[in-house]
Amino acid sequence: MSDSMASGSPGHFKLGVFVIVGAVLLVGGVLLLGGVSVFERTVPAQTVLIESVNGLDVGASVKYRGVMIGKVSAIHVAGTIYGVESDAGTSSTNAGAIVVEMSIQSKSFPDLTNAQIKTLLASLAGQGLRARLATTGFSGQAFLELDFLDPKAYPPLHIGFTPTGLYIPSAPSTFGQVMDAAGQIADQLKKVDLGRVIGHIDDMATQGSVTIEDIRQIVAANKGSLNQTLAELPDTAAKMHAAVARANQILHDPRVSKALDGASGLGDSASATLSDVRRLAHELSELVEGERGDVQSIITDLRRTTADAASLAEEAKANPSWVLFGKPPPRDPEK
């Protein structure tokens, strides 16, 4: 019996080695296929979304402008981990809030420790780093995208709890913004009085029909004149063509060119004459300026002579004999 046990020991040993190796390979394969590395350093982070995360699963990629830097590690309703109300009927931002936990790969930030990576990401969040839901293509796999946005247009959400660890604020996804815009348009359409709009359209259609009928009546009433005008169009066009041809012939006539050249010469002669007149006027002005003193003296003498002549005329009227015989003889005082 001891011989049979000794002979069976090597088989059991081989079987045990096979089982152990198979288990190791199985565990290694699971870890490899699952993309999990127990030796990889990661930095935990959180973000809070207030929209549907349909299509986003644990293990989804976290990308920065298309470059994968981590994975989604967990997805929770805010109320289950922070004890806040998540009732969709409330008006708080916390209503329906979803907490998404991320594992940021430390190898995406070489030469930095985990503490330095946390400090860096917190600083970048203050400068506009935001997390938002995105998809690869129109209906592809959902993932979490990190990118820089305008912090004034996308400020951090006012949430009623404080996330633990590193917190990266979120921004609405492009699809979410489109759906919100569509919802707003639908709300505006609900407020529109469609019956009144349709009534206006009917009135416009009726007025358009009436206008078309009026045009038809005008055309029918003036059909003869219109036909005559259309019939005369070829003759009118021919006359216009002949007039244009005659105008071109006149413009290109050598006699017209010669006349225009003569007019140009006449203009030059007139310009020379005008220059002579200006020169003569300048000489006269200089002459008058040089003889101004003599002219002034002559004018003064003429004025004096005129005054004396006027005085003599007055004396002649008063005593004509004085002009002929001189002063009258003195009167006798006795007489």
Protein backbone atom coordinates (compact mmCIF):
# COMPACT_ATOMS: atom_id res chain seq x y z
CA MET A 1 0.00 0.00 0.00
CA SER A 2 2.93 2.31 0.74
CA ASP A 3 4.24 1.60 -2.74
CA SER A 4 0.94 2.74 -4.31
CA MET A 5 1.00 5.98 -2.29
CA ALA A 6 4.61 6.64 -3.26
CA SER A 7 3.82 6.05 -6.86
CA GLY A 8 0.81 8.46 -6.69
CA SER A 9 2.64 11.39 -5.04
CA PRO A 10 4.20 12.78 -8.25
CA GLY A 11 0.75 12.93 -9.92
CA HIS A 12 -0.77 14.86 -7.03
CA PHE A 13 2.11 17.27 -7.03
CA LYS A 14 1.74 17.98 -10.72
CA LEU A 15 -2.00 18.44 -10.30
CA GLY A 16 -1.45 20.95 -7.49
CA VAL A 17 1.08 22.93 -9.51
CA PHE A 18 -1.33 22.99 -12.44
CA VAL A 19 -4.17 24.32 -10.28
CA ILE A 20 -1.99 27.03 -8.74
CA VAL A 21 -0.63 28.16 -12.11
CA GLY A 22 -4.12 28.18 -13.60
CA ALA A 23 -5.45 30.29 -10.73
CA VAL A 24 -2.59 32.80 -11.11
CA LEU A 25 -3.17 33.04 -14.85
CA LEU A 26 -6.90 33.47 -14.30
CA VAL A 27 -6.41 36.29 -11.80
CA GLY A 28 -3.80 37.93 -14.03
CA GLY A 29 -6.10 37.69 -17.05
CA VAL A 30 -9.00 39.22 -15.13
CA LEU A 31 -6.82 42.08 -13.97
CA LEU A 32 -5.43 42.59 -17.46
CA LEU A 33 -8.79 42.47 -19.23
CA GLY A 34 -10.38 44.72 -16.63
CA GLY A 35 -7.69 47.33 -17.09
CA VAL A 36 -6.93 47.43 -13.39
CA SER A 37 -3.41 47.61 -12.06
CA VAL A 38 -2.89 47.19 -8.37
CA PHE A 39 0.48 48.88 -8.67
CA GLU A 40 -0.77 52.02 -10.47
CA ARG A 41 -0.84 55.28 -8.50
CA THR A 42 -4.06 57.28 -8.83
CA VAL A 43 -5.49 60.51 -7.42
CA PRO A 44 -9.17 60.36 -6.37
CA ALA A 45 -11.41 63.23 -7.44
CA GLN A 46 -15.13 64.00 -7.54
CA THR A 47 -17.53 66.04 -9.62
CA VAL A 48 -21.27 66.67 -9.31
CA LEU A 49 -23.60 66.53 -12.31
CA ILE A 50 -27.21 67.74 -12.34
CA GLU A 51 -28.22 65.99 -15.53
CA SER A 52 -28.83 62.44 -16.61
CA VAL A 53 -25.70 60.26 -16.71
CA ASN A 54 -27.35 57.63 -18.88
CA GLY A 55 -24.61 55.71 -20.72
CA LEU A 56 -21.87 56.59 -18.24
CA ASP A 57 -20.69 53.47 -16.43
CA VAL A 58 -18.01 52.62 -13.90
CA GLY A 59 -14.76 52.12 -15.80
CA ALA A 60 -15.60 54.78 -18.40
CA SER A 61 -12.69 56.95 -19.51
CA VAL A 62 -11.83 60.34 -18.07
CA LYS A 63 -10.24 62.40 -20.83
CA TYR A 64 -8.61 65.80 -21.09
CA ARG A 65 -9.21 67.12 -24.60
CA GLY A 66 -9.25 63.59 -25.99
CA VAL A 67 -6.31 62.23 -23.96
CA MET A 68 -7.24 59.61 -21.37
CA ILE A 69 -5.96 60.55 -17.92
CA GLY A 70 -8.13 58.33 -15.71
CA LYS A 71 -11.30 56.32 -15.26
CA VAL A 72 -14.67 56.61 -13.56
CA SER A 73 -14.44 54.68 -10.33
CA ALA A 74 -17.96 55.11 -8.89
CA ILE A 75 -21.30 56.78 -9.57
CA HIS A 76 -23.68 57.71 -6.71
CA VAL A 77 -26.83 59.67 -6.12
CA ALA A 78 -25.80 62.56 -3.87
CA GLY A 79 -28.31 61.66 -1.17
CA THR A 80 -26.87 58.18 -0.66
CA ILE A 81 -23.41 59.36 0.38
CA TYR A 82 -23.95 62.93 1.64
CA GLY A 83 -27.46 62.64 3.07
CA VAL A 84 -28.93 65.50 1.00
CA GLU A 85 -32.38 65.64 -0.50
CA SER A 86 -32.52 64.38 -4.07
CA ASP A 87 -36.23 64.70 -4.64
CA ALA A 88 -36.87 65.82 -8.19
CA GLY A 89 -39.75 67.96 -6.98
CA THR A 90 -37.53 70.29 -4.98
CA SER A 91 -36.13 73.50 -6.44
CA SER A 92 -32.68 73.05 -4.96
CA THR A 93 -29.63 72.38 -7.11
CA ASN A 94 -29.21 69.21 -5.08
CA ALA A 95 -32.35 67.77 -6.62
CA GLY A 96 -31.22 64.85 -8.76
CA ALA A 97 -27.51 65.61 -8.20
CA ILE A 98 -25.18 62.78 -9.22
CA VAL A 99 -21.74 62.36 -7.68
CA VAL A 100 -19.17 60.88 -10.05
CA GLU A 101 -15.91 59.64 -8.54
CA MET A 102 -12.81 59.56 -10.71
CA SER A 103 -9.38 58.00 -10.46
CA ILE A 104 -6.83 60.28 -12.11
CA GLN A 105 -3.71 58.43 -13.23
CA SER A 106 -0.58 59.82 -11.62
CA LYS A 107 1.47 58.85 -14.67
CA SER A 108 -0.41 61.54 -16.62
CA PHE A 109 1.52 64.06 -14.50
CA PRO A 110 5.13 62.84 -14.53
CA ASP A 111 7.55 64.07 -11.88
CA LEU A 112 4.67 65.13 -9.58
CA THR A 113 3.58 63.48 -6.36
CA ASN A 114 -0.07 62.79 -5.62
CA ALA A 115 -0.19 65.76 -3.26
CA GLN A 116 1.23 68.04 -5.94
CA ILE A 117 -1.27 66.69 -8.48
CA LYS A 118 -4.16 67.49 -6.12
CA THR A 119 -2.86 71.02 -5.57
CA LEU A 120 -2.43 71.52 -9.33
CA LEU A 121 -5.92 70.28 -10.24
CA ALA A 122 -7.52 72.39 -7.47
CA SER A 123 -5.75 75.46 -8.84
CA LEU A 124 -6.80 74.64 -12.42
CA ALA A 125 -10.42 74.23 -11.26
CA GLY A 126 -10.30 77.81 -10.02
CA GLN A 127 -9.05 78.89 -13.46
CA GLY A 128 -11.93 77.24 -15.34
CA LEU A 129 -11.20 73.50 -15.45
CA ARG A 130 -14.60 71.79 -15.72
CA ALA A 131 -15.88 68.21 -16.02
CA ARG A 132 -18.78 67.42 -18.34
CA LEU A 133 -20.45 64.42 -19.87
CA ALA A 134 -19.52 63.61 -23.46
CA THR A 135 -19.88 60.80 -25.97
CA THR A 136 -17.71 59.39 -28.73
CA GLY A 137 -19.78 60.27 -31.75
CA PHE A 138 -23.51 60.88 -31.79
CA SER A 139 -24.50 57.76 -29.89
CA GLY A 140 -21.17 56.26 -28.83
CA GLN A 141 -19.75 55.34 -25.45
CA ALA A 142 -20.18 58.01 -22.77
CA PHE A 143 -17.14 59.34 -20.93
CA LEU A 144 -16.18 62.20 -18.67
CA GLU A 145 -14.37 65.08 -20.35
CA LEU A 146 -12.15 67.65 -18.64
CA ASP A 147 -11.60 70.96 -20.38
CA PHE A 148 -11.14 74.67 -19.69
CA LEU A 149 -14.25 76.87 -19.97
CA ASP A 150 -15.05 80.47 -19.12
CA PRO A 151 -15.40 80.49 -15.32
CA LYS A 152 -17.82 83.44 -15.53
CA ALA A 153 -20.12 81.61 -17.95
CA TYR A 154 -19.80 78.30 -16.06
CA PRO A 155 -19.32 79.06 -12.35
CA PRO A 156 -19.19 76.22 -9.81
CA LEU A 157 -22.59 74.81 -8.82
CA HIS A 158 -24.11 75.95 -5.52
CA ILE A 159 -24.50 72.59 -3.84
CA GLY A 160 -25.65 71.99 -0.29
CA PHE A 161 -22.80 69.70 0.70
CA THR A 162 -19.02 69.65 0.62
CA PRO A 163 -17.48 66.89 -1.52
CA THR A 164 -14.69 64.99 0.13
CA GLY A 165 -11.22 65.19 -1.36
CA LEU A 166 -10.43 66.86 -4.65
CA TYR A 167 -13.50 68.51 -6.26
CA ILE A 168 -13.65 69.53 -9.92
CA PRO A 169 -16.75 71.62 -10.79
CA SER A 170 -18.95 70.45 -13.64
CA ALA A 171 -20.50 72.09 -16.67
CA PRO A 172 -23.57 71.02 -18.65
CA SER A 173 -22.90 68.74 -21.59
CA THR A 174 -23.46 69.87 -25.16
CA PHE A 175 -26.34 67.43 -25.51
CA GLY A 176 -27.83 68.73 -22.27
CA GLN A 177 -27.63 72.32 -23.48
CA VAL A 178 -29.35 71.37 -26.74
CA MET A 179 -32.11 69.61 -24.85
CA ASP A 180 -32.54 72.60 -22.52
CA ALA A 181 -32.81 74.94 -25.51
CA ALA A 182 -35.36 72.61 -27.13
CA GLY A 183 -37.33 72.58 -23.89
CA GLN A 184 -37.35 76.38 -23.74
CA ILE A 185 -38.55 76.56 -27.34
CA ALA A 186 -41.31 74.07 -26.55
CA ASP A 187 -42.36 76.18 -23.56
CA GLN A 188 -42.50 79.28 -25.75
CA LEU A 189 -44.57 77.43 -28.34
CA LYS A 190 -47.05 76.46 -25.64
CA LYS A 191 -47.60 80.14 -24.93
CA VAL A 192 -48.25 80.96 -28.59
CA ASP A 193 -51.90 81.25 -29.71
CA LEU A 194 -51.70 78.87 -32.66
CA GLY A 195 -55.32 79.53 -33.63
CA ARG A 196 -54.64 83.23 -33.97
CA VAL A 197 -51.46 82.59 -35.96
CA ILE A 198 -53.31 80.27 -38.34
CA GLY A 199 -56.01 82.92 -38.71
CA HIS A 200 -53.39 85.51 -39.70
CA ILE A 201 -51.94 83.09 -42.22
CA ASP A 202 -55.41 82.54 -43.73
CA ASP A 203 -55.94 86.31 -43.97
CA MET A 204 -52.59 86.77 -45.69
CA ALA A 205 -53.40 83.97 -48.13
CA THR A 206 -56.78 85.56 -48.89
CA GLN A 207 -55.21 88.97 -49.45
CA GLY A 208 -52.61 87.39 -51.69
CA SER A 209 -55.35 85.74 -53.77
CA VAL A 210 -57.18 89.06 -54.09
CA THR A 211 -53.98 90.82 -55.17
CA ILE A 212 -53.27 88.19 -57.81
CA GLU A 213 -56.85 88.52 -59.11
CA ASP A 214 -56.46 92.33 -59.32
CA ILE A 215 -53.27 91.90 -61.33
CA ARG A 216 -55.04 89.53 -63.69
CA GLN A 217 -57.85 92.05 -64.21
CA ILE A 218 -55.37 94.87 -64.94
CA VAL A 219 -53.54 92.69 -67.45
CA ALA A 220 -56.81 91.67 -69.11
CA ALA A 221 -58.01 95.30 -69.35
CA ASN A 222 -54.75 96.48 -70.93
CA LYS A 223 -54.06 93.41 -73.01
CA GLY A 224 -54.27 95.32 -76.30
CA SER A 225 -51.85 98.05 -75.20
CA LEU A 226 -49.47 95.47 -73.79
CA ASN A 227 -49.55 93.45 -77.01
CA GLN A 228 -48.89 96.60 -79.05
CA THR A 229 -45.99 97.57 -76.80
CA LEU A 230 -44.53 94.09 -77.07
CA ALA A 231 -44.91 94.20 -80.85
CA GLU A 232 -43.11 97.56 -81.02
CA LEU A 233 -40.22 96.41 -78.84
CA PRO A 234 -38.09 95.07 -81.76
CA ASP A 235 -38.52 98.34 -83.70
CA THR A 236 -37.72 100.39 -80.59
CA ALA A 237 -34.66 98.30 -79.92
CA ALA A 238 -33.49 98.76 -83.52
CA LYS A 239 -33.92 102.54 -83.28
CA MET A 240 -31.98 102.63 -80.03
CA HIS A 241 -29.22 100.57 -81.62
CA ALA A 242 -29.08 102.97 -84.58
CA ALA A 243 -28.94 105.97 -82.23
CA VAL A 244 -26.07 104.47 -80.29
CA ALA A 245 -24.24 103.66 -83.53
CA ARG A 246 -24.75 107.27 -84.76
CA ALA A 247 -23.47 108.67 -81.46
CA ASN A 248 -20.34 106.50 -81.73
CA GLN A 249 -19.86 107.68 -85.33
CA ILE A 250 -20.07 111.35 -84.28
CA LEU A 251 -17.70 110.87 -81.39
CA HIS A 252 -15.12 109.18 -83.62
CA ASP A 253 -15.48 111.76 -86.48
CA PRO A 254 -12.05 113.41 -87.23
CA ARG A 255 -13.76 116.80 -87.52
CA VAL A 256 -15.06 116.52 -83.98
CA SER A 257 -11.58 115.64 -82.77
CA LYS A 258 -10.16 118.66 -84.66
CA ALA A 259 -12.80 120.95 -83.19
CA LEU A 260 -12.00 119.69 -79.70
CA ASP A 261 -8.29 120.31 -80.34
CA GLY A 262 -9.14 123.88 -81.49
CA ALA A 263 -11.19 124.43 -78.38
CA SER A 264 -8.19 123.33 -76.35
CA GLY A 265 -6.01 125.88 -78.20
CA LEU A 266 -8.62 128.58 -77.66
CA GLY A 267 -8.55 127.82 -73.98
CA ASP A 268 -4.78 128.25 -73.94
CA SER A 269 -5.10 131.63 -75.77
CA ALA A 270 -7.75 132.82 -73.34
CA SER A 271 -5.51 131.83 -70.47
CA ALA A 272 -2.64 133.91 -71.95
CA THR A 273 -4.92 136.94 -72.44
CA LEU A 274 -6.13 136.69 -68.88
CA SER A 275 -2.51 136.67 -67.70
CA ASP A 276 -1.84 139.89 -69.69
CA VAL A 277 -4.88 141.60 -68.16
CA ARG A 278 -3.75 140.65 -64.67
CA ARG A 279 -0.26 142.01 -65.36
CA LEU A 280 -1.70 145.35 -66.67
CA ALA A 281 -3.92 145.71 -63.60
CA HIS A 282 -0.90 145.12 -61.38
CA GLU A 283 1.10 147.83 -63.21
CA LEU A 284 -1.80 150.32 -62.89
CA SER A 285 -2.04 149.56 -59.19
CA GLU A 286 1.68 150.24 -58.75
CA LEU A 287 1.37 153.51 -60.75
CA VAL A 288 -1.53 154.76 -58.63
CA GLU A 289 0.31 153.82 -55.45
CA GLY A 290 3.41 155.80 -56.55
CA GLU A 291 1.46 158.99 -57.45
CA ARG A 292 -0.89 158.89 -54.49
CA GLY A 293 0.69 161.99 -52.82
CA ASP A 294 0.39 164.17 -55.94
CA VAL A 295 -3.14 163.04 -56.57
CA GLN A 296 -4.07 163.87 -52.98
CA SER A 297 -2.59 167.40 -53.33
CA ILE A 298 -4.46 168.03 -56.56
CA ILE A 299 -7.71 166.90 -54.97
CA THR A 300 -7.13 169.30 -52.01
CA ASP A 301 -6.50 172.26 -54.37
CA LEU A 302 -9.61 171.42 -56.35
CA ARG A 303 -11.67 171.41 -53.18
CA ARG A 304 -10.26 174.81 -52.13
CA THR A 305 -10.91 176.30 -55.57
CA THR A 306 -14.45 175.00 -55.56
CA ALA A 307 -15.07 176.58 -52.14
CA ASP A 308 -13.75 179.98 -53.34
CA ALA A 309 -15.92 179.83 -56.44
CA ALA A 310 -18.97 179.11 -54.32
CA SER A 311 -18.16 182.10 -52.04
CA LEU A 312 -17.72 184.39 -55.05
CA ALA A 313 -21.05 183.27 -56.46
CA GLU A 314 -22.81 184.08 -53.20
CA GLU A 315 -21.21 187.56 -53.08
CA ALA A 316 -22.22 188.21 -56.70
CA LYS A 317 -25.82 187.43 -55.91
CA ALA A 318 -25.81 189.77 -52.92
CA ASN A 319 -23.88 192.73 -54.53
CA PRO A 320 -23.55 192.47 -58.34
CA SER A 321 -21.89 195.90 -58.64
CA TRP A 322 -19.08 194.82 -56.38
CA VAL A 323 -18.14 192.21 -58.94
CA LEU A 324 -17.89 194.91 -61.69
CA PHE A 325 -16.78 198.10 -59.89
CA GLY A 326 -15.29 196.95 -56.60
CA LYS A 327 -16.37 198.07 -53.21
CA PRO A 328 -19.21 200.65 -53.06
CA PRO A 329 -18.41 204.18 -51.86
CA PRO A 330 -18.99 204.85 -48.15
CA ARG A 331 -22.37 206.37 -47.24
CA ASP A 332 -22.73 209.99 -46.02
CA PRO A 333 -23.90 209.83 -42.40
CA GLU A 334 -25.75 213.18 -42.71
CA LYS A 335 -27.85 211.96 -45.54
